[in-house]
Protein backbone atom coordinates (compact mmCIF):
# COMPACT_ATOMS: atom_id res chain seq x y z
CA MET A 1 0.00 0.00 0.00
CA ALA A 2 1.27 3.47 -0.90
CA GLU A 3 0.62 4.83 2.58
CA ASP A 4 3.06 2.30 4.02
CA LEU A 5 5.97 3.46 1.89
CA ALA A 6 8.83 5.32 3.55
CA GLY A 7 9.32 7.37 0.42
CA ALA A 8 8.29 7.76 -3.21
CA VAL A 9 9.17 5.28 -5.92
CA ALA A 10 8.80 5.82 -9.68
CA ALA A 11 9.87 4.14 -12.88
CA LEU A 12 10.40 5.88 -16.22
CA ASP A 13 10.43 4.46 -19.74
CA PRO A 14 11.21 6.48 -22.90
CA ARG A 15 8.53 4.49 -24.75
CA GLU A 16 5.76 5.60 -22.37
CA VAL A 17 4.95 8.94 -24.02
CA VAL A 18 2.02 11.21 -23.17
CA ALA A 19 2.64 13.85 -25.86
CA PRO A 20 5.34 16.18 -27.14
CA VAL A 21 6.02 19.06 -24.73
CA PRO A 22 3.76 21.89 -25.99
CA ARG A 23 5.89 25.04 -26.09
CA ARG A 24 2.71 27.13 -25.73
CA LEU A 25 2.27 25.58 -22.29
CA PHE A 26 4.73 28.21 -21.03
CA GLY A 27 2.59 31.21 -21.85
CA SER A 28 1.79 34.24 -19.74
CA PHE A 29 -0.69 37.07 -19.71
CA VAL A 30 -0.55 40.86 -20.00
CA GLU A 31 -3.74 42.74 -19.13
CA HIS A 32 -4.44 46.39 -18.50
CA MET A 33 -4.87 45.56 -14.82
CA GLY A 34 -3.12 47.34 -11.98
CA ARG A 35 0.53 47.90 -12.84
CA CYS A 36 0.99 45.06 -15.31
CA VAL A 37 1.36 47.44 -18.27
CA TYR A 38 2.04 50.91 -16.88
CA THR A 39 5.19 50.84 -14.69
CA GLY A 40 5.30 47.10 -15.39
CA ILE A 41 6.36 46.24 -18.93
CA TYR A 42 6.04 49.87 -20.07
CA GLU A 43 7.57 52.85 -18.29
CA PRO A 44 8.97 55.64 -20.47
CA GLY A 45 11.74 57.43 -18.62
CA HIS A 46 12.78 54.40 -16.57
CA PRO A 47 16.59 54.09 -16.44
CA THR A 48 16.42 50.80 -18.39
CA ALA A 49 13.79 51.92 -20.94
CA GLY A 50 14.65 52.79 -24.51
CA PRO A 51 12.81 55.16 -26.86
CA ASP A 52 9.94 52.68 -27.07
CA GLY A 53 9.32 52.96 -23.31
CA PHE A 54 9.74 49.23 -22.65
CA ARG A 55 11.54 48.44 -19.42
CA GLY A 56 14.75 46.64 -20.31
CA ASP A 57 15.07 45.01 -16.91
CA VAL A 58 11.63 43.46 -17.31
CA LEU A 59 12.43 42.27 -20.83
CA ASP A 60 15.54 40.56 -19.46
CA LEU A 61 13.48 38.79 -16.80
CA VAL A 62 10.82 37.78 -19.32
CA SER A 63 13.57 36.17 -21.38
CA GLU A 64 14.91 34.38 -18.30
CA LEU A 65 11.38 33.26 -17.39
CA GLY A 66 11.17 31.48 -20.73
CA VAL A 67 7.74 32.76 -21.75
CA THR A 68 6.69 31.56 -25.21
CA LEU A 69 3.19 33.01 -25.62
CA VAL A 70 1.48 36.10 -24.18
CA ARG A 71 -2.26 36.70 -24.09
CA TYR A 72 -3.44 40.33 -24.49
CA PRO A 73 -5.28 42.67 -23.69
CA GLY A 74 -7.44 40.74 -21.22
CA GLY A 75 -8.91 39.38 -19.17
CA ASN A 76 -11.86 41.33 -17.87
CA PHE A 77 -10.44 44.46 -19.47
CA VAL A 78 -11.10 43.23 -23.01
CA SER A 79 -14.88 43.09 -22.51
CA GLY A 80 -15.03 46.88 -22.45
CA TYR A 81 -12.07 47.61 -24.77
CA ARG A 82 -12.16 49.35 -28.13
CA TRP A 83 -9.03 48.20 -29.92
CA GLU A 84 -9.05 51.27 -32.16
CA ASP A 85 -8.28 53.40 -29.08
CA GLY A 86 -4.79 51.90 -28.87
CA VAL A 87 -3.52 52.45 -32.42
CA GLY A 88 -2.23 55.44 -34.35
CA PRO A 89 -0.55 58.60 -33.04
CA VAL A 90 -0.45 58.49 -29.25
CA GLU A 91 -1.37 62.15 -28.89
CA GLU A 92 -4.62 61.51 -30.76
CA ARG A 93 -5.77 58.54 -28.71
CA PRO A 94 -8.78 58.91 -26.43
CA THR A 95 -8.77 58.47 -22.68
CA ARG A 96 -11.36 55.99 -21.41
CA LEU A 97 -12.63 54.48 -18.17
CA ASN A 98 -11.29 50.99 -17.45
CA LEU A 99 -14.47 49.61 -15.90
CA ALA A 100 -12.98 46.21 -15.15
CA TRP A 101 -10.39 47.59 -12.72
CA ARG A 102 -11.75 51.09 -12.00
CA THR A 103 -8.83 53.02 -13.44
CA THR A 104 -8.39 55.53 -16.25
CA GLU A 105 -6.94 54.10 -19.45
CA PRO A 106 -4.79 56.65 -21.34
CA ASN A 107 -4.23 54.23 -24.26
CA THR A 108 -0.58 55.24 -24.55
CA PHE A 109 0.12 51.51 -24.74
CA GLY A 110 -2.07 49.65 -27.19
CA LEU A 111 -2.03 47.07 -29.95
CA GLY A 112 0.94 48.47 -31.86
CA GLU A 113 3.02 48.82 -28.72
CA PHE A 114 2.11 45.31 -27.60
CA MET A 115 3.13 43.83 -30.94
CA SER A 116 6.43 45.71 -30.80
CA TRP A 117 6.97 44.53 -27.23
CA ALA A 118 6.14 40.93 -28.21
CA ARG A 119 8.77 41.07 -30.96
CA ARG A 120 11.32 42.47 -28.51
CA ALA A 121 10.44 39.79 -25.96
CA GLY A 122 10.51 37.01 -28.55
CA VAL A 123 7.02 35.76 -27.65
CA GLU A 124 4.05 34.69 -29.73
CA PRO A 125 1.06 37.03 -29.36
CA MET A 126 -2.35 35.63 -28.45
CA LEU A 127 -5.07 38.24 -28.87
CA ALA A 128 -8.57 38.37 -27.40
CA VAL A 129 -11.54 39.99 -29.12
CA ASN A 130 -14.24 41.87 -27.25
CA LEU A 131 -17.44 39.82 -27.27
CA GLY A 132 -18.75 41.59 -24.18
CA THR A 133 -19.73 45.07 -25.34
CA ARG A 134 -18.88 44.48 -29.01
CA GLY A 135 -19.22 41.65 -31.50
CA ILE A 136 -18.62 40.14 -34.94
CA ALA A 137 -17.94 43.35 -36.92
CA GLU A 138 -15.30 44.62 -34.49
CA ALA A 139 -13.60 41.21 -34.37
CA LEU A 140 -13.43 41.13 -38.17
CA ASP A 141 -11.98 44.64 -38.24
CA LEU A 142 -9.32 43.73 -35.70
CA VAL A 143 -8.22 40.61 -37.59
CA GLU A 144 -8.08 42.55 -40.86
CA TYR A 145 -6.02 45.31 -39.23
CA CYS A 146 -3.62 42.78 -37.74
CA ASN A 147 -3.23 40.16 -40.43
CA HIS A 148 -4.23 41.33 -43.90
CA PRO A 149 -1.14 42.12 -45.99
CA GLY A 150 -2.43 45.35 -47.54
CA GLY A 151 -4.75 46.98 -50.03
CA THR A 152 -7.72 47.44 -47.69
CA THR A 153 -8.65 50.36 -45.50
CA LEU A 154 -7.68 48.69 -42.24
CA SER A 155 -4.52 46.94 -43.44
CA ASP A 156 -3.34 50.17 -45.05
CA LEU A 157 -4.15 51.97 -41.79
CA ARG A 158 -1.83 49.57 -39.97
CA ALA A 159 0.89 50.41 -42.49
CA ALA A 160 0.25 54.12 -41.99
CA HIS A 161 0.67 53.54 -38.25
CA GLY A 162 4.19 52.24 -38.87
CA ASP A 163 3.68 48.49 -39.39
CA PRO A 164 3.60 47.71 -43.13
CA GLU A 165 4.09 43.99 -42.51
CA PRO A 166 1.10 42.06 -41.14
CA TYR A 167 1.32 40.91 -37.54
CA GLY A 168 0.36 37.35 -38.46
CA VAL A 169 -1.43 36.60 -35.19
CA ARG A 170 -2.61 32.98 -35.30
CA MET A 171 -4.26 32.43 -31.91
CA TRP A 172 -7.45 34.30 -31.01
CA CYS A 173 -9.67 34.17 -27.90
CA LEU A 174 -13.38 34.63 -28.57
CA GLY A 175 -14.01 36.88 -25.59
CA ASN A 176 -13.17 36.34 -21.94
CA GLU A 177 -15.01 34.66 -19.06
CA MET A 178 -18.40 35.30 -20.61
CA ASP A 179 -19.97 32.92 -18.06
CA GLY A 180 -19.10 35.34 -15.24
CA PRO A 181 -21.71 37.81 -13.91
CA TRP A 182 -18.83 40.22 -13.23
CA GLN A 183 -18.10 40.41 -16.96
CA LEU A 184 -19.35 43.28 -19.10
CA GLY A 185 -21.77 41.67 -21.54
CA HIS A 186 -22.18 38.49 -19.47
CA ARG A 187 -24.25 35.94 -21.36
CA THR A 188 -26.09 32.70 -20.83
CA PRO A 189 -24.48 29.57 -22.29
CA GLN A 190 -26.84 29.64 -25.28
CA GLU A 191 -26.33 33.37 -25.93
CA TYR A 192 -22.57 33.08 -25.86
CA ALA A 193 -22.60 29.86 -27.91
CA ARG A 194 -24.47 31.64 -30.70
CA LEU A 195 -22.22 34.71 -30.67
CA ALA A 196 -18.98 32.72 -30.49
CA THR A 197 -20.08 30.40 -33.28
CA GLU A 198 -21.02 33.21 -35.65
CA THR A 199 -17.85 35.14 -34.80
CA ALA A 200 -15.74 32.06 -35.48
CA ARG A 201 -17.54 31.44 -38.76
CA ALA A 202 -16.91 35.04 -39.86
CA LEU A 203 -13.25 35.01 -38.85
CA ARG A 204 -12.66 31.82 -40.82
CA GLN A 205 -13.97 33.63 -43.91
CA VAL A 206 -11.05 36.03 -43.45
CA ASP A 207 -8.49 33.31 -42.69
CA ALA A 208 -9.43 29.64 -42.39
CA GLY A 209 -6.11 28.90 -40.70
CA LEU A 210 -6.70 30.93 -37.54
CA GLU A 211 -6.62 29.04 -34.23
CA LEU A 212 -9.74 29.95 -32.29
CA VAL A 213 -10.34 29.54 -28.57
CA ALA A 214 -13.92 29.55 -27.30
CA CYS A 215 -14.61 30.69 -23.74
CA GLY A 216 -15.02 27.83 -21.34
CA SER A 217 -15.89 28.17 -17.69
CA SER A 218 -14.00 30.72 -15.64
CA GLY A 219 -13.81 28.23 -12.79
CA ARG A 220 -14.73 24.64 -12.02
CA ALA A 221 -17.01 25.86 -9.22
CA MET A 222 -19.16 27.99 -11.55
CA PRO A 223 -22.83 26.92 -11.37
CA THR A 224 -22.96 26.47 -15.16
CA PHE A 225 -19.73 24.43 -15.36
CA GLY A 226 -20.12 21.53 -17.76
CA GLN A 227 -23.45 22.79 -19.03
CA TRP A 228 -21.59 25.83 -20.41
CA GLU A 229 -18.95 23.77 -22.22
CA GLU A 230 -21.60 21.48 -23.66
CA ALA A 231 -23.72 24.32 -25.06
CA VAL A 232 -20.74 26.17 -26.50
CA LEU A 233 -19.16 23.14 -28.13
CA GLU A 234 -22.42 21.73 -29.53
CA ALA A 235 -22.76 25.00 -31.44
CA SER A 236 -19.13 25.68 -32.39
CA TYR A 237 -17.39 22.28 -32.46
CA ASP A 238 -16.37 22.39 -36.12
CA LEU A 239 -15.33 26.06 -35.97
CA VAL A 240 -13.08 26.27 -32.90
CA ASP A 241 -9.86 24.51 -31.97
CA GLN A 242 -9.71 24.93 -28.21
CA ILE A 243 -11.89 25.79 -25.25
CA SER A 244 -10.49 27.86 -22.40
CA ALA A 245 -10.23 27.02 -18.71
CA HIS A 246 -9.30 29.36 -15.85
CA ALA A 247 -8.25 28.41 -12.32
CA TYR A 248 -6.78 30.28 -9.37
CA TYR A 249 -5.87 28.89 -5.96
CA GLU A 250 -5.22 30.36 -2.52
CA ILE A 251 -4.67 29.07 0.97
CA ASP A 252 -7.83 28.90 3.04
CA GLY A 253 -6.95 30.11 6.53
CA ASP A 254 -4.10 27.98 7.81
CA ASP A 255 -4.97 24.87 5.75
CA LEU A 256 -1.56 24.51 4.13
CA ALA A 257 -2.01 20.80 3.42
CA SER A 258 -5.06 21.35 1.21
CA PHE A 259 -3.43 24.30 -0.52
CA LEU A 260 -0.40 22.19 -1.44
CA ALA A 261 -2.77 19.66 -3.03
CA SER A 262 -4.42 22.26 -5.33
CA SER A 263 -3.25 20.43 -8.43
CA VAL A 264 -5.76 17.68 -7.63
CA ASP A 265 -8.45 20.18 -8.58
CA ILE A 266 -6.83 21.37 -11.80
CA ASP A 267 -6.34 17.76 -12.87
CA ALA A 268 -10.02 17.08 -12.27
CA PHE A 269 -10.87 20.29 -14.15
CA VAL A 270 -9.03 19.01 -17.23
CA SER A 271 -10.68 15.59 -16.96
CA ASP A 272 -14.15 17.11 -16.70
CA VAL A 273 -13.69 19.40 -19.71
CA VAL A 274 -12.19 16.59 -21.79
CA ALA A 275 -15.15 14.35 -20.91
CA VAL A 276 -17.67 16.97 -22.04
CA ALA A 277 -15.75 17.82 -25.21
CA ASP A 278 -15.38 14.18 -26.24
CA ARG A 279 -19.02 13.46 -25.48
CA VAL A 280 -20.06 16.33 -27.74
CA GLY A 281 -17.69 15.12 -30.44
CA ASP A 282 -19.16 11.63 -30.26
CA LYS A 283 -22.69 13.05 -30.39
CA LEU A 284 -21.82 15.02 -33.53
CA GLY A 285 -20.02 12.09 -35.10
CA SER A 286 -16.80 14.07 -35.36
CA ASP A 287 -13.29 12.64 -35.19
CA LYS A 288 -11.92 16.09 -34.34
CA ARG A 289 -10.44 16.50 -30.87
CA ILE A 290 -11.00 19.76 -29.01
CA MET A 291 -7.99 20.85 -26.97
CA ILE A 292 -7.85 23.02 -23.84
CA SER A 293 -6.29 26.45 -23.56
CA PHE A 294 -5.65 26.92 -19.83
CA ASP A 295 -5.07 30.59 -20.52
CA GLU A 296 -5.40 31.82 -16.93
CA TRP A 297 -3.93 29.95 -13.98
CA ASN A 298 -1.95 30.88 -10.89
CA VAL A 299 -2.08 31.39 -7.15
CA TRP A 300 -4.21 34.48 -6.47
CA TYR A 301 -5.28 35.73 -3.05
CA LEU A 302 -8.60 36.91 -4.40
CA LYS A 303 -10.47 36.72 -1.09
CA ARG A 304 -7.86 38.99 0.48
CA HIS A 305 -8.21 41.55 -2.32
CA MET A 306 -11.99 41.39 -2.38
CA GLY A 307 -11.86 42.55 1.23
CA SER A 308 -9.63 45.52 0.35
CA PRO A 309 -11.04 48.99 -0.36
CA ALA A 310 -12.00 49.54 -3.99
CA VAL A 311 -9.78 51.69 -6.16
CA GLU A 312 -11.08 55.25 -5.90
CA GLY A 313 -10.69 58.34 -8.04
CA TRP A 314 -10.05 56.52 -11.34
CA PRO A 315 -6.23 56.76 -11.27
CA VAL A 316 -4.17 55.80 -14.31
CA VAL A 317 -1.98 53.48 -12.24
CA ALA A 318 -3.15 51.60 -9.15
CA ARG A 319 -1.59 48.78 -7.14
CA VAL A 320 -4.06 45.95 -7.71
CA SER A 321 -3.54 42.33 -6.58
CA GLU A 322 0.18 42.71 -5.93
CA ASP A 323 0.60 39.50 -3.97
CA ASP A 324 3.94 38.74 -2.31
CA PHE A 325 4.27 35.10 -3.29
CA THR A 326 5.63 32.63 -0.76
CA VAL A 327 7.63 29.41 -0.87
CA ALA A 328 4.34 27.50 -0.54
CA ASP A 329 2.90 29.48 -3.45
CA ALA A 330 5.92 28.54 -5.58
CA VAL A 331 5.49 24.86 -4.69
CA VAL A 332 1.82 25.03 -5.70
CA VAL A 333 2.73 26.72 -8.98
CA GLY A 334 5.27 23.94 -9.54
CA SER A 335 2.65 21.29 -8.85
CA LEU A 336 0.22 22.96 -11.27
CA LEU A 337 2.97 22.89 -13.91
CA VAL A 338 3.47 19.19 -13.20
CA THR A 339 -0.23 18.60 -13.88
CA LEU A 340 -0.35 20.74 -17.02
CA LEU A 341 2.64 18.88 -18.43
CA ARG A 342 1.16 15.53 -17.48
CA ARG A 343 -2.09 16.46 -19.29
CA SER A 344 -0.34 17.84 -22.36
CA ASP A 345 -2.16 15.35 -24.56
CA ARG A 346 -5.18 17.65 -24.14
CA VAL A 347 -3.78 20.95 -22.82
CA ALA A 348 -2.32 22.70 -25.85
CA ALA A 349 -1.60 26.09 -24.28
CA ALA A 350 -1.51 27.70 -20.85
CA CYS A 351 -0.91 31.21 -19.55
CA LEU A 352 0.44 32.02 -16.09
CA ALA A 353 -1.65 35.01 -15.08
CA GLN A 354 -0.15 37.47 -14.97
CA LEU A 355 3.34 38.51 -16.02
CA VAL A 356 4.19 41.62 -13.98
CA ASN A 357 2.97 43.10 -10.69
CA ALA A 358 -0.75 42.17 -10.77
CA ILE A 359 -0.62 38.49 -9.71
CA GLY A 360 2.78 38.69 -11.39
CA ALA A 361 5.80 36.43 -11.49
CA ILE A 362 7.84 39.64 -11.81
CA ARG A 363 7.60 42.68 -9.53
CA THR A 364 8.75 46.21 -10.26
CA GLU A 365 8.95 49.58 -8.61
CA PRO A 366 8.36 52.75 -10.64
CA GLY A 367 11.74 54.18 -11.49
CA GLY A 368 13.34 51.39 -9.45
CA PRO A 369 14.31 47.74 -9.69
CA ALA A 370 12.58 44.62 -10.96
CA TRP A 371 12.86 41.28 -9.20
CA ARG A 372 11.73 37.68 -9.36
CA GLN A 373 8.83 36.53 -7.23
CA SER A 374 9.05 33.04 -5.74
CA ILE A 375 6.71 31.64 -8.41
CA PHE A 376 9.10 32.85 -11.12
CA HIS A 377 11.51 30.02 -10.43
CA PRO A 378 9.49 26.83 -11.01
CA PHE A 379 8.05 28.33 -14.17
CA ALA A 380 11.49 29.36 -15.48
CA GLN A 381 12.97 25.95 -14.72
CA ALA A 382 10.13 24.06 -16.38
CA ALA A 383 10.12 26.35 -19.41
CA GLY A 384 13.88 26.12 -19.74
CA LEU A 385 14.32 22.39 -19.24
CA ALA A 386 11.13 20.60 -20.36
CA ARG A 387 11.94 19.47 -23.88
CA GLY A 388 11.07 16.61 -26.16
CA GLU A 389 8.27 14.42 -24.87
CA VAL A 390 6.28 14.20 -21.65
CA LEU A 391 6.54 10.72 -20.14
CA ARG A 392 3.84 8.75 -18.39
CA VAL A 393 4.97 8.19 -14.79
CA ASP A 394 3.73 5.64 -12.30
CA VAL A 395 4.49 7.06 -8.84
CA ARG A 396 3.93 5.26 -5.55
CA ALA A 397 4.19 7.54 -2.56
CA PRO A 398 2.99 7.92 1.03
CA LEU A 399 -0.35 9.65 1.40
CA VAL A 400 -0.99 12.92 3.17
CA ALA A 401 -4.40 13.83 4.58
CA THR A 402 -6.13 17.02 3.41
CA SER A 403 -9.48 18.37 4.53
CA ARG A 404 -10.42 19.44 1.02
CA TYR A 405 -9.16 16.66 -1.26
CA GLY A 406 -8.94 13.67 1.07
CA ASP A 407 -5.75 11.59 1.04
CA VAL A 408 -3.34 12.57 -1.74
CA PRO A 409 0.14 11.33 -2.69
CA ALA A 410 2.81 13.29 -0.83
CA VAL A 411 5.03 13.34 -3.91
CA ASP A 412 3.83 14.40 -7.33
CA LEU A 413 6.14 14.43 -10.32
CA VAL A 414 6.43 14.51 -14.08
CA ALA A 415 9.33 13.78 -16.42
CA THR A 416 10.31 14.88 -19.91
CA TRP A 417 12.76 13.17 -22.24
CA ASN A 418 14.61 14.57 -25.23
CA GLY A 419 17.05 12.08 -26.74
CA GLY A 420 18.57 14.81 -28.92
CA SER A 421 21.93 14.09 -30.48
CA ALA A 422 23.93 14.03 -27.28
CA GLY A 423 24.19 10.24 -27.35
CA SER A 424 26.68 10.60 -30.17
CA SER A 425 28.25 14.00 -29.63
CA GLY A 426 27.16 15.35 -26.25
CA SER A 427 26.70 18.75 -27.88
CA ASP A 428 22.93 19.11 -27.68
CA GLY A 429 22.24 21.18 -24.56
CA ASP A 430 18.52 20.41 -24.76
CA ALA A 431 19.04 16.65 -24.68
CA GLY A 432 18.25 14.94 -21.43
CA LEU A 433 15.83 13.46 -18.94
CA ARG A 434 14.28 15.98 -16.55
CA VAL A 435 12.33 15.09 -13.44
CA PHE A 436 10.17 17.80 -11.83
CA ALA A 437 8.94 16.82 -8.36
CA VAL A 438 6.90 18.34 -5.55
CA ASN A 439 6.80 17.24 -1.92
CA ARG A 440 3.36 18.20 -0.59
CA SER A 441 4.11 17.13 2.97
CA VAL A 442 4.09 20.09 5.35
CA ASP A 443 6.61 18.58 7.76
CA ALA A 444 8.31 15.46 6.39
CA ALA A 445 11.30 15.09 4.09
CA LEU A 446 10.76 12.15 1.75
CA PRO A 447 13.22 9.94 -0.11
CA LEU A 448 12.61 9.66 -3.85
CA GLN A 449 13.84 6.76 -5.95
CA VAL A 450 13.42 6.78 -9.73
CA ASP A 451 14.32 3.91 -12.05
CA VAL A 452 15.93 5.44 -15.17
CA ASP A 453 17.74 2.34 -16.39
CA ARG A 454 15.94 2.28 -19.77
CA PHE A 455 17.47 5.54 -21.00
CA GLY A 456 21.01 4.32 -21.54
CA PRO A 457 24.06 5.91 -19.90
CA LEU A 458 23.13 9.12 -18.07
CA ARG A 459 24.86 11.54 -15.73
CA LEU A 460 23.29 13.78 -13.10
CA HIS A 461 24.00 17.21 -14.52
CA ALA A 462 22.22 19.25 -11.82
CA ALA A 463 19.86 18.85 -8.89
CA THR A 464 18.14 21.89 -7.39
CA VAL A 465 15.48 22.49 -4.79
CA LEU A 466 13.29 25.43 -3.81
CA ALA A 467 12.40 25.18 -0.12
CA ASP A 468 12.79 27.13 3.10
CA ALA A 469 12.46 26.55 6.83
CA ASP A 470 9.67 29.14 6.60
CA PRO A 471 7.15 28.06 3.93
CA PHE A 472 5.77 31.60 3.93
CA ALA A 473 9.07 33.32 3.14
CA VAL A 474 8.91 35.79 0.22
CA ASN A 475 11.19 37.80 -2.04
CA THR A 476 11.16 41.56 -1.56
CA ARG A 477 12.89 44.59 -3.01
CA GLU A 478 15.34 44.44 -0.10
CA GLN A 479 15.78 40.64 -0.30
CA PRO A 480 15.06 39.73 -3.93
CA ASP A 481 16.78 36.34 -3.72
CA ARG A 482 15.55 35.02 -0.38
CA VAL A 483 13.51 32.35 -2.20
CA ARG A 484 15.29 30.68 -5.08
CA PRO A 485 16.45 27.23 -6.22
CA VAL A 486 19.70 26.03 -4.64
CA PRO A 487 21.72 22.85 -5.12
CA LEU A 488 20.06 19.78 -3.62
CA GLU A 489 22.58 18.01 -1.44
CA GLY A 490 22.78 14.23 -1.56
CA ALA A 491 21.12 13.63 -4.94
CA VAL A 492 22.90 10.78 -6.76
CA LEU A 493 22.56 8.67 -9.86
CA ASP A 494 23.71 5.17 -8.98
CA GLY A 495 23.70 2.97 -12.05
CA GLY A 496 20.15 3.15 -13.35
CA THR A 497 18.63 4.48 -10.11
CA LEU A 498 18.20 8.15 -9.28
CA ARG A 499 17.96 8.94 -5.56
CA ALA A 500 17.20 12.20 -3.78
CA THR A 501 15.57 13.39 -0.58
CA LEU A 502 12.85 15.99 -1.02
CA PRO A 503 12.44 18.53 1.81
CA PRO A 504 8.93 19.29 3.03
CA VAL A 505 7.01 21.92 0.99
CA SER A 506 9.50 21.79 -1.86
CA TRP A 507 9.96 21.95 -5.62
CA THR A 508 12.83 19.87 -6.97
CA VAL A 509 14.33 19.62 -10.45
CA LEU A 510 16.64 16.76 -11.42
CA ASP A 511 18.45 17.29 -14.71
CA LEU A 512 20.02 14.18 -16.24
CA ARG A 513 22.04 14.30 -19.45
CA PRO A 514 23.16 11.54 -21.82
CA VAL A 515 26.78 10.50 -21.33
CA PRO A 516 28.77 11.70 -24.34
CA VAL A 517 30.18 8.97 -26.52
CA ASP A 518 33.74 9.37 -27.71
CA PRO A 519 33.66 8.73 -31.49
CA ALA A 520 37.26 7.54 -31.35
CA ALA A 521 36.28 4.83 -28.90
CA GLY A 522 34.03 3.20 -31.51
C-alpha cells in the first residue's frame, strides 16, 4: 500500500509517451490591470527603458522566465475595450474608463506597442476579441487590421501607423469569461454559444487557418460548469480549436495541506472538460479532438483583495492584486505545472496570469528595480528544461491527509525526455531526462527513488530544490533572492537508479544528461 511506503518510488520508460512538450504551455498574460502594463512592462523614462518605453530590466526577466506566448489585452479588461483606441498617433488617442479595474486608461500603450513589445520579448502574441460590449464586426476589423497584408482600409491603416508587414497573429480568444456575472456583456451559455459560433464562422472567412479559442468556464465551481462547455461546443465544435479554462488557488486560513494539493483540482478540471468535449464530439459524429487552452492559472489571493477597499478616483496606475508570493505558493505553482505537463495530450496552451505586478511572477517599482517573485523560479525551470516528450509516470508515494481533497500522494512528479543528439556528440544542450517533483508534505522530508535504467548511460547534470524553513518566506525589493532554487545536497545517480531526498514543501528539479560517446572509442 502506498501509505506504508517510507518514500516515493517511480519508474520511467522512454517508450511511455504522453505527448510532445507543448511550447505554448509556457505562456503568460498581459492585461491592462493594476501595474501590469504601466510601470510594469512599459515605463517611459525608466533608467532601463529605450525610446519605445519598454523596461529593459523586465524584458531581461521575461527572457529568463522562458515565456513563449502572451495573451493580451485581457482578461476582464477586453470586454469593455475598443481596440481602435490603442492604435495610431499616441497624442490623438482617447482616454477611457477601465471599468474592469476602476482606473483611467490613457491608451498610450495599445495594440501596436504590444506587438512591438512581443517582438522584442521574442514571444508569440495571443489576442482576445471583445465579445462583451462588441461583436462580430469589431472582431473582423481587428483581424483585418492585424493580419491582412495590404490593399484594404484597415490593413493600409496599420501600415500608416508604422507596421507595413502584417502581424500574423494565429491564436485568437473569442471573448473572456463570458460565463461570469462580473463580466461586461455576461451571457447565458446559449447566448454566448451563438455569438462565439457566428464570430468564429466570420473570422474563418477572413483566414481559415486561424486558431480559435472559445470561452469555457472561468472556474470549475461555476454553477454552469459543464453545461456551459456542452452548449458552447455543440454550437461551435467544427469552428473552434480549443476551449479555455481558468483556475486560481489560494490558501484557506491555515490549511496549508489542502493548498499544497491544489493540483488535484486542476487535474479534475481538465478531466471534466475533456469528458464533455469528447461526449459532444461523439454526439456530432466528429473525429476532431477539441484541446484546452488553460489561458489563466496561478495562485491568487482573491479573497484577500476582495476585502480591500475599492480603487477610488479613477487613477491611471493603481496597485491591484500585488501579492507577495511565498515558498508555498511557488510549490503550488510547480505542482500545477506538473499537472499541465502531465495532461499535455489535451492541454495545448496555458498562460500564467499574470506577467508583472498584478498576480505577477515579476515585480517592479516605478523608477526602481525589478525582481523575481518566488513563483518565477518553477516556471522558469520548467520552461527552460522541459523538452522533447512528456513521459507517463507511475508514482507510488505515502499519502498525506487534506481536509479538502482527502488523502493525496505526498510526492507528485512529471518527467520529460529529449534524446537529442547528445548520445553521439554530447553537444545538444537540450538533450536529457528531466524530473520535476513536488513534496506536498508540510513537515516530512521524503526519499525519492526513480528507475531510469531504460534511457542508456546518463549523468546527473544538476539537482536543485526550492524550499525554506519558513514556507511563507517571500522575495522583496530588499531581499530579492531570499527564495530561489539552490543545489540539492545528496542527490545521486547510482547505475540506473536516481535517488534524492525531497524537503517538506519543496519543488525539486533533477536534470540528467546523456553520457557523451567518444567517437574515437568506436
